[in-house]
Every structure is written in structure tokens, then in C-alpha cells.
Protein backbone atom coordinates (compact mmCIF):
# COMPACT_ATOMS: atom_id res chain seq x y z
CA MET A 1 92.41 -84.61 25.77
CA SER A 2 90.13 -82.04 25.19
CA ALA A 3 91.22 -81.62 21.62
CA ALA A 4 91.26 -84.79 20.92
CA TRP A 5 87.76 -85.55 21.55
CA ALA A 6 86.81 -82.78 19.29
CA VAL A 7 88.30 -84.05 16.74
CA ALA A 8 87.24 -87.40 17.06
CA THR A 9 83.49 -86.40 17.41
CA VAL A 10 83.91 -84.59 14.40
CA GLU A 11 85.04 -87.66 12.64
CA LEU A 12 82.44 -89.87 13.80
CA ARG A 13 79.78 -86.57 12.79
CA ARG A 14 81.03 -86.93 9.20
CA PHE A 15 80.67 -90.44 9.37
CA LEU A 16 77.19 -90.52 10.25
CA ARG A 17 76.46 -87.58 7.89
CA ASP A 18 77.62 -89.00 4.64
CA ARG A 19 75.09 -91.05 2.95
CA SER A 20 76.89 -93.19 0.87
CA ASN A 21 76.87 -95.14 4.59
CA ILE A 22 74.08 -95.73 4.90
CA PHE A 23 73.93 -99.10 2.74
CA PHE A 24 77.34 -100.58 3.27
CA THR A 25 77.20 -99.57 6.87
CA PHE A 26 73.46 -100.68 8.27
CA ILE A 27 72.25 -102.54 5.21
CA PHE A 28 75.22 -104.56 3.65
CA PRO A 29 76.41 -106.82 6.57
CA PHE A 30 72.94 -108.04 7.25
CA MET A 31 72.46 -109.25 4.55
CA LEU A 32 75.80 -110.56 4.37
CA VAL A 33 74.40 -112.99 7.85
CA VAL A 34 71.65 -114.28 6.33
CA VAL A 35 73.89 -115.58 3.12
CA ILE A 36 75.97 -117.26 5.30
CA GLY A 37 73.38 -118.26 7.76
CA ALA A 38 71.20 -120.27 5.09
CA GLN A 39 74.52 -121.40 4.01
CA PHE A 40 75.86 -123.51 7.07
CA GLY A 41 72.16 -123.84 8.69
CA GLY A 42 70.14 -120.71 9.88
CA GLY A 43 68.12 -123.26 12.18
CA ALA A 44 69.53 -125.16 15.06
CA SER A 45 67.91 -129.09 13.95
CA ASN A 46 70.16 -131.65 14.32
CA GLY A 47 70.37 -131.46 10.76
CA ARG A 48 68.61 -131.98 7.64
CA VAL A 49 66.36 -135.22 5.68
CA VAL A 50 64.14 -134.83 2.32
CA LEU A 51 61.53 -137.40 1.49
CA THR A 52 60.24 -139.19 -1.61
CA ASP A 53 57.06 -139.35 -0.01
CA ASP A 54 54.81 -137.70 2.77
CA SER A 55 51.39 -138.78 1.42
CA SER A 56 51.79 -142.95 2.27
CA ALA A 57 51.06 -144.18 6.39
CA LEU A 58 54.82 -145.64 5.52
CA GLY A 59 55.78 -141.50 4.77
CA GLN A 60 53.74 -139.42 7.53
CA ARG A 61 55.18 -141.91 9.93
CA ILE A 62 58.67 -141.46 9.10
CA ALA A 63 58.14 -137.79 8.91
CA ALA A 64 56.81 -137.81 12.52
CA GLU A 65 59.30 -139.49 13.73
CA LEU A 66 62.59 -137.61 12.36
CA THR A 67 60.49 -134.56 13.53
CA GLU A 68 60.42 -136.09 16.69
CA ARG A 69 64.36 -135.95 16.95
CA ASP A 70 64.40 -132.58 16.00
CA LEU A 71 65.21 -133.01 12.31
CA THR A 72 64.26 -130.56 9.41
CA VAL A 73 62.54 -132.64 6.84
CA GLU A 74 61.21 -131.38 3.69
CA VAL A 75 59.86 -133.38 0.49
CA SER A 76 60.40 -133.37 -2.92
CA SER A 77 60.68 -135.65 -5.81
CA ALA A 78 63.59 -138.45 -6.22
CA ASP A 79 65.55 -136.32 -8.71
CA ASP A 80 64.80 -133.72 -6.63
CA ALA A 81 66.42 -135.46 -3.91
CA ARG A 82 69.56 -136.12 -5.43
CA GLU A 83 70.02 -132.79 -6.20
CA THR A 84 69.37 -131.57 -2.97
CA LEU A 85 71.81 -133.73 -1.57
CA ALA A 86 74.41 -132.99 -3.99
CA ARG A 87 74.72 -129.21 -3.64
CA GLY A 88 74.62 -129.89 0.05
CA ARG A 89 71.26 -128.91 1.17
CA ALA A 90 69.78 -131.51 3.15
CA ASP A 91 72.60 -134.34 4.89
CA VAL A 92 70.28 -137.69 4.60
CA GLY A 93 68.15 -138.38 1.79
CA VAL A 94 65.36 -141.42 2.21
CA LEU A 95 63.55 -143.01 -0.97
CA ILE A 96 59.82 -143.86 -0.52
CA ASP A 97 57.99 -145.29 -4.06
CA ALA A 98 54.89 -146.39 -4.19
CA ASP A 99 55.96 -150.24 -3.82
CA ASP A 100 57.57 -149.27 -0.55
CA ALA A 101 53.93 -147.70 1.31
CA ALA A 102 52.05 -150.25 -0.35
CA ALA A 103 54.64 -153.10 1.77
CA PHE A 104 54.26 -151.13 4.59
CA ASP A 105 50.29 -150.92 4.74
CA THR A 106 50.09 -154.75 4.27
CA GLY A 107 52.57 -155.42 7.13
CA GLU A 108 55.75 -156.80 4.74
CA PRO A 109 58.70 -156.00 5.36
CA VAL A 110 60.12 -152.86 3.37
CA GLN A 111 63.66 -151.90 2.36
CA LEU A 112 64.42 -148.27 2.05
CA GLU A 113 67.25 -146.63 0.17
CA MET A 114 68.74 -143.55 2.19
CA ILE A 115 71.17 -141.56 0.23
CA SER A 116 73.49 -139.21 2.27
CA ALA A 117 75.47 -136.71 1.15
CA ALA A 118 79.12 -134.61 1.48
CA SER A 119 78.34 -132.69 4.33
CA SER A 120 80.21 -133.04 7.35
CA ASN A 121 76.86 -133.26 9.87
CA ALA A 122 75.20 -136.17 7.32
CA SER A 123 76.68 -139.52 9.62
CA ALA A 124 75.18 -138.22 12.25
CA VAL A 125 71.75 -137.43 10.42
CA ALA A 126 72.28 -140.37 8.84
CA GLN A 127 72.37 -142.35 12.43
CA LEU A 128 69.55 -140.77 13.89
CA VAL A 129 66.88 -141.03 10.39
CA GLN A 130 68.37 -145.11 11.27
CA THR A 131 67.46 -145.01 14.97
CA GLY A 132 63.67 -143.50 13.92
CA VAL A 133 63.09 -145.83 11.12
CA ASP A 134 64.30 -149.05 13.44
CA GLU A 135 62.08 -147.88 16.14
CA LEU A 136 59.06 -147.88 13.38
CA ASP A 137 59.79 -151.58 12.58
CA ARG A 138 59.95 -152.71 15.66
CA GLU A 139 56.46 -150.77 16.48
CA GLN A 140 55.51 -152.45 13.20
CA ALA A 141 56.77 -155.59 14.13
CA GLY A 142 54.69 -155.84 17.25
CA VAL A 143 51.27 -154.99 16.38
CA ALA A 144 51.98 -157.66 13.43
CA ALA A 145 52.09 -160.19 16.22
CA LEU A 146 49.73 -158.78 17.97
CA THR A 147 47.05 -159.80 15.48
CA ASP A 148 48.76 -162.56 14.50
CA ALA A 149 47.58 -164.29 18.08
CA GLY A 150 44.24 -162.95 17.08
CA VAL A 151 44.08 -159.15 18.46
CA GLY A 152 41.95 -157.11 15.83
CA GLN A 153 44.41 -154.26 13.95
CA GLU A 154 43.03 -151.02 15.48
CA ASP A 155 43.22 -153.19 19.28
CA ALA A 156 46.88 -153.99 18.45
CA ALA A 157 47.64 -150.85 17.37
CA ALA A 158 46.11 -148.97 20.61
CA ALA A 159 47.77 -151.69 22.45
CA TRP A 160 51.09 -150.54 20.75
CA GLN A 161 50.61 -146.93 21.74
CA ASP A 162 49.37 -147.64 25.28
CA ALA A 163 52.71 -149.58 25.94
CA GLU A 164 55.01 -147.82 24.39
CA GLU A 165 53.66 -144.31 26.78
CA GLN A 166 53.97 -146.86 29.94
CA VAL A 167 57.87 -146.81 29.34
CA PRO A 168 60.33 -144.09 29.56
CA PRO A 169 61.70 -143.35 26.37
CA ALA A 170 65.39 -144.43 25.97
CA ASP A 171 67.82 -141.34 25.87
CA LEU A 172 69.94 -141.85 23.15
CA GLU A 173 72.46 -139.33 22.10
CA VAL A 174 74.58 -139.21 19.15
CA VAL A 175 78.06 -137.65 19.44
CA ASP A 176 79.95 -137.07 16.35
CA VAL A 177 84.12 -137.36 16.00
CA ASP A 178 84.38 -135.28 13.53
CA GLU A 179 86.22 -132.05 14.07
CA VAL A 180 84.45 -129.81 12.00
CA SER A 181 80.85 -131.19 13.62
CA GLN A 182 82.25 -130.27 16.72
CA ALA A 183 83.62 -126.98 16.05
CA PHE A 184 80.18 -126.17 15.16
CA ALA A 185 77.81 -128.01 18.06
CA GLY A 186 75.78 -126.00 19.39
CA VAL A 187 75.77 -122.53 17.39
CA THR A 188 73.30 -121.54 14.38
CA GLY A 189 75.01 -120.69 10.78
CA PHE A 190 73.70 -117.48 11.96
CA ASP A 191 76.12 -117.09 15.09
CA VAL A 192 78.82 -118.08 13.12
CA GLY A 193 78.18 -115.10 10.11
CA ALA A 194 77.16 -112.30 12.72
CA SER A 195 80.94 -112.43 14.31
CA SER A 196 82.34 -113.32 10.88
CA GLN A 197 80.70 -110.18 9.47
CA ALA A 198 80.79 -108.15 12.37
CA LEU A 199 84.67 -108.35 11.81
CA LEU A 200 85.04 -108.11 8.23
CA PHE A 201 82.92 -104.81 7.97
CA VAL A 202 84.46 -103.21 11.36
CA PHE A 203 88.05 -103.52 8.74
CA LEU A 204 86.28 -102.51 6.09
CA THR A 205 84.86 -99.54 7.09
CA ALA A 206 88.04 -98.10 9.10
CA LEU A 207 89.85 -98.91 5.74
CA ALA A 208 87.15 -97.07 3.34
CA GLY A 209 87.62 -94.19 5.87
CA SER A 210 91.70 -93.26 4.94
CA ALA A 211 90.45 -91.70 2.40
CA THR A 212 88.48 -89.18 4.59
CA LEU A 213 91.75 -88.25 6.41
CA ILE A 214 93.43 -87.76 2.79
CA ASP A 215 90.26 -84.85 2.46
CA ALA A 216 91.69 -83.56 5.87
CA ARG A 217 95.12 -83.12 4.71
CA ARG A 218 94.80 -82.02 1.19
CA ASN A 219 92.03 -79.22 1.81
CA ARG A 220 93.85 -78.36 5.25
CA VAL A 221 91.94 -79.24 7.52
CA ILE A 222 94.33 -80.42 9.58
CA ALA A 223 96.45 -76.95 8.59
CA ARG A 224 93.69 -75.01 10.25
CA THR A 225 92.89 -77.67 13.09
CA LEU A 226 96.22 -76.49 14.04
CA ALA A 227 96.58 -72.84 13.85
CA ALA A 228 94.67 -73.63 16.96
CA PRO A 229 96.07 -73.83 20.37
CA VAL A 230 96.43 -77.77 19.07
CA SER A 231 99.49 -79.50 19.73
CA VAL A 232 99.93 -82.07 16.63
CA VAL A 233 99.23 -85.20 19.64
CA SER A 234 96.34 -83.95 20.24
CA VAL A 235 95.57 -83.79 16.04
CA VAL A 236 97.16 -87.15 15.72
CA ALA A 237 95.06 -88.61 18.88
CA GLY A 238 92.34 -87.49 17.99
CA GLN A 239 92.59 -89.17 14.36
CA VAL A 240 93.66 -92.54 15.98
CA PHE A 241 90.45 -91.87 18.37
CA GLY A 242 88.57 -90.83 15.71
CA ARG A 243 88.68 -93.80 14.17
CA TRP A 244 88.61 -95.75 17.00
CA VAL A 245 85.29 -95.03 17.75
CA ILE A 246 84.09 -95.22 14.10
CA ALA A 247 85.24 -99.12 13.73
CA LEU A 248 83.88 -99.94 16.92
CA PHE A 249 80.67 -98.79 16.95
CA GLN A 250 80.41 -100.44 13.49
CA GLY A 251 81.06 -103.52 15.21
CA VAL A 252 79.09 -103.11 17.97
CA TYR A 253 75.64 -102.22 15.28
CA VAL A 254 76.46 -105.35 14.05
CA MET A 255 76.35 -107.25 16.86
CA ALA A 256 73.17 -105.61 18.39
CA GLY A 257 70.88 -105.91 14.72
CA THR A 258 71.98 -109.46 14.76
CA THR A 259 71.33 -110.38 18.15
CA VAL A 260 67.43 -108.61 17.65
CA LEU A 261 66.74 -110.14 14.06
CA PHE A 262 68.83 -113.27 13.68
CA GLY A 263 68.35 -114.48 17.92
CA VAL A 264 72.23 -114.71 17.38
CA SER A 265 73.84 -115.81 20.20
CA TRP A 266 77.11 -114.09 21.11
CA GLY A 267 78.16 -115.97 24.48
CA ASN A 268 79.55 -113.08 27.31
CA ILE A 269 79.26 -110.19 25.56
CA TRP A 270 81.78 -107.73 27.54
CA LEU A 271 84.45 -110.34 26.26
CA CYS A 272 83.14 -109.64 22.76
CA VAL A 273 82.92 -106.19 23.05
CA LEU A 274 86.69 -106.35 24.57
CA VAL A 275 88.14 -108.47 21.71
CA LEU A 276 85.73 -105.90 18.66
CA ALA A 277 87.87 -102.92 20.77
CA VAL A 278 91.00 -104.77 20.36
CA PHE A 279 90.55 -105.29 16.25
CA ALA A 280 89.11 -102.01 15.72
CA ALA A 281 92.35 -100.92 17.55
CA VAL A 282 94.39 -102.98 14.73
CA ALA A 283 91.92 -101.66 11.98
CA ALA A 284 91.91 -97.58 13.10
CA GLY A 285 95.96 -98.28 13.37
CA ALA A 286 95.85 -99.97 9.56
CA ALA A 287 93.29 -96.77 8.65
CA MET A 288 95.67 -94.31 9.53
CA THR A 289 98.97 -95.95 7.84
CA ILE A 290 97.32 -95.84 4.91
CA GLY A 291 95.79 -92.98 4.95
CA SER A 292 99.71 -90.81 5.73
CA LEU A 293 100.93 -92.99 2.56
CA LEU A 294 98.94 -92.43 0.13
CA ASP A 295 97.77 -88.89 -1.46
CA ASN A 296 94.93 -89.76 -3.80
CA GLU A 297 91.23 -90.46 -2.11
CA GLY A 298 90.32 -93.33 -4.63
CA ALA A 299 93.51 -95.34 -4.49
CA ALA A 300 92.89 -94.73 -0.39
CA SER A 301 89.83 -96.74 -0.52
CA GLY A 302 90.46 -99.01 -3.80
CA PHE A 303 92.73 -100.33 -2.00
CA GLY A 304 91.83 -99.92 1.39
CA VAL A 305 88.44 -101.43 0.10
CA GLY A 306 91.15 -104.28 -1.25
CA ILE A 307 93.01 -105.37 1.60
CA ALA A 308 90.14 -105.28 3.99
CA LEU A 309 88.77 -108.59 1.88
CA VAL A 310 91.69 -110.30 1.54
CA LEU A 311 92.24 -110.48 4.88
CA ALA A 312 89.09 -111.02 5.77
CA ALA A 313 89.22 -113.98 3.77
CA LEU A 314 92.65 -115.18 5.15
CA GLY A 315 91.52 -115.09 8.48
CA GLY A 316 87.99 -116.63 7.81
CA CYS A 317 85.52 -114.11 7.43
CA MET A 318 83.82 -115.58 4.50
CA VAL A 319 84.40 -119.29 4.69
CA PRO A 320 84.76 -120.85 8.62
CA GLN A 321 88.08 -121.38 9.35
CA GLU A 322 87.93 -124.67 10.37
CA ILE A 323 87.32 -125.84 7.15
CA PHE A 324 90.41 -124.25 5.61
CA PRO A 325 93.07 -126.97 5.39
CA ALA A 326 96.18 -127.22 7.59
CA SER A 327 98.77 -124.82 5.47
CA LEU A 328 95.36 -122.15 5.43
CA GLN A 329 95.43 -121.77 8.57
CA PHE A 330 98.62 -121.35 9.68
CA VAL A 331 99.10 -118.15 6.93
CA SER A 332 95.24 -117.14 8.44
CA SER A 333 97.69 -116.75 12.02
CA PHE A 334 99.06 -113.53 9.96
CA THR A 335 95.76 -111.64 10.20
CA PRO A 336 94.55 -109.97 13.17
CA HIS A 337 90.66 -111.76 11.85
CA GLY A 338 92.23 -114.76 12.39
CA TRP A 339 93.09 -114.04 15.92
CA ALA A 340 89.95 -112.17 16.43
CA TYR A 341 87.78 -115.34 14.55
CA ARG A 342 89.30 -117.45 17.10
CA ALA A 343 88.84 -115.75 20.15
CA PHE A 344 85.09 -115.05 18.79
CA ALA A 345 84.85 -119.12 18.54
CA GLU A 346 86.03 -119.68 21.59
CA ILE A 347 83.30 -117.24 23.45
CA GLN A 348 80.73 -118.22 21.51
CA ARG A 349 80.74 -121.74 21.18
CA HIS A 350 82.34 -122.69 23.94
CA ASP A 351 80.84 -119.89 26.75
CA GLY A 352 85.20 -118.97 27.50
CA GLY A 353 85.94 -116.48 29.79
CA LEU A 354 88.81 -113.99 29.52
CA GLY A 355 91.62 -116.25 30.58
CA ASP A 356 90.36 -118.74 27.07
CA ILE A 357 91.20 -115.82 24.83
CA LEU A 358 94.46 -114.30 26.49
CA GLY A 359 96.09 -115.48 23.62
CA PRO A 360 94.62 -114.75 21.26
CA LEU A 361 93.54 -111.20 22.71
CA ALA A 362 97.64 -110.46 23.74
CA VAL A 363 98.56 -111.43 19.32
CA LEU A 364 95.75 -108.93 18.56
CA VAL A 365 96.85 -106.28 20.83
CA ALA A 366 100.21 -106.91 20.11
CA MET A 367 99.12 -105.59 16.29
CA ALA A 368 97.58 -103.03 17.40
CA VAL A 369 99.97 -101.49 19.07
CA ALA A 370 102.76 -101.79 16.22
CA VAL A 371 99.85 -100.47 13.36
CA LEU A 372 99.01 -97.32 15.49
CA LEU A 373 102.76 -96.49 16.24
CA LEU A 374 103.13 -96.93 12.79
CA GLY A 375 100.52 -94.71 11.51
CA SER A 376 100.64 -92.48 14.05
CA LEU A 377 103.97 -91.88 13.06
CA LEU A 378 103.79 -91.65 9.76
CA LEU A 379 100.98 -89.14 9.86
CA ARG A 380 102.50 -86.91 11.90
CA ARG A 381 105.75 -87.08 9.09
CA SER A 382 103.28 -86.11 6.98
CA ILE A 383 101.54 -83.00 8.67
CA ALA A 384 105.33 -81.54 9.60
CA ARG A 385 105.67 -81.66 5.69
CA ALA A 386 102.54 -80.52 4.69
CA LEU A 387 103.21 -77.34 7.47
């Protein structure tokens, strides 16, 4: 066991000393988390609304009503608002022109144009916008009724404000029945991106490191190790343990970094580490298999990176599985990333416990045992052939 631990320690030390790993291991994962977080909404607001005016009284009042409902409000021209909606950067647009603002100032009826984007959250956001505008309409009608009864404009507005403060607000909860919206309820884009990138880089780092195994065989590092009183089993165990430690280190680093930098909520940390540990074992076994089958470092690195990216894409680490069509969701079940993604989703979004992730965890354990056995047998055969 001490020999295996020594081999694993050497592998981890070689990984940390390799300067080429600085960018891809320590910097690149966070850059992708930022990209995915921005794509799926980095904040935890109820939605994004774009207004075409916030200088008039009408625009300012609508913006205030929407902000109270935890909606993110931005202002742009009508053309830019349409482009923003078309690109999916906002959920709903409210078009306010000069005639609308003038009519509101004189107490006349106002008819606003609202445009919904094709996003999954658009219908829920549109409902919140409609509720805010209705609230503003009721206030306008109440103040108008008071002024018609002979109350001054300022006194009528103050009376309405006083009445509103005395009446407790109604508790309105808009429930979106869309499955995709429910799947991402309560999480930010950074939460989704962080777990996906942790899985992507655990596998990527492990498979890219398969070249070091070839280098160790080619330069007879393993042969010299066996010249000492060390058994083949200890060497194989050390190689497996070393790659598992490197893969797990990468995953824990992404978890810790995204928690500190982006405030990512992981749910039960220990369950997440458990999923990462089993997933890292799958990655270590795959790296052993590639490093034992191939004899060229460049080919091993290229093949490892390629297969890691393909599996990550099929498993939902680049685009969330919830957006996949049914056929692609079925395909994701054949990847370790797909099962690890589902386990993380259960822990992060639904406060899932060990019992809730037993299914995905059991599949990952089975995959880990299979590839570790295969990789160990291939490496042992490769060592015996070299000797």
C-alpha cells in the first residue's frame, strides 16, 4: 500500500509541476462557468424585461412596479428591444412611446404593446408584467376617481398611497407548469454551469493525462520502479490511485472556486464530493485504458480530449439535458456524464439526499468498476510485455 501511495504521490506532483496545466486546470474552467452562467441567467431574478422608455412618468412607474416583483429591467430603443428578445437575452419587452407617456400624464387610457420572447420563462414573466401594469392601472383609476370628486391631484395621490400602505399586499405566486422552467427553478445559471464544468474538466484532465502513462512506459520509469522491491500490482494500483487523485482534485477545485467566486450553491457538499469521487474513478479507469492501448503521447492526448468533449456534450455538460430532445436524453444515459449530471441536479435543485441519487450513483459505480478493471488489466499486460 505504501508503494502504491508513493506512486500516486509522484503522479500528482508531476501533474502540479506541469506548467501547461495552469491555464486549462485552474483558469479555463471558471471562464466557461461565466459563459454558461451568462447564457442561462447569472442572477436569481424572476426574469428579464426590456422597456423602451424610463424617462417619462409612465416608464418610471412601470419600471418601479417590475423591480418590486424581482424582475431585471433594462432600457433600450424599440428596435434594440426586438433584437434583444429575438436573441433570447430578455423574456418580455414593453414598448412605450411618446403618445403612451402623454396619455398617462393626462389620465387618459393607455394601451401598451408587450412582446414575449421564445424563452421557456417568457410566459411566467409576462404574467408578472401584466400584474404590475394592472396594479398601476388601478392606482391611476383610483386617483382619477378622487380628482373627479373634487380632491386635488396631489391630495388624491397621497390618499391612494396612504390607503395602499394600510392594506396588506396580496401574496401572488406565479407557478410555471413548463417542465424546463420547473427543472431550473431556484438555481442560477452559475449553479448549472459550475456542476457541468466540474464534470467536463474532471474527465478532460484525467484523459489528457493518459499521455503521462505512455511517457512513463516509454522512458522505462515503470520498469525502473519494478526494479525495486515493488510488485506489479502495487504499480498498477499506484497509477490508478494517482489518476483518481488528479481527477478528484480538479473537481473539488472547480467546486471550491465557483463557490467563492460566483456564490454557487451546491446543496449537500458531501454528497456532491461523493458523486465527484465515483465519477473521477470512471475518468481514471478511462485514462488507464487509453494510456495502455496507445503508444503515442500525442495521439493519446488528442483522442482523450476529443472523447472527453464528445461525452461531455452528450451528457449535458455543454447544453443542459433538460433542453435535449427525448432521443438525445436516451443517448446521454450511456455516458457517465449523463448520470453524474442527474445526480448533481437532484442534489443542487431539489435538496436531494443519498436515497434520491442512489440510482445514478449505482450506475456510476458499475461504470467505474468496469473501466478500472479493464484499464488495470490492459496496463498489467502492457507492463508484462515491456519487461
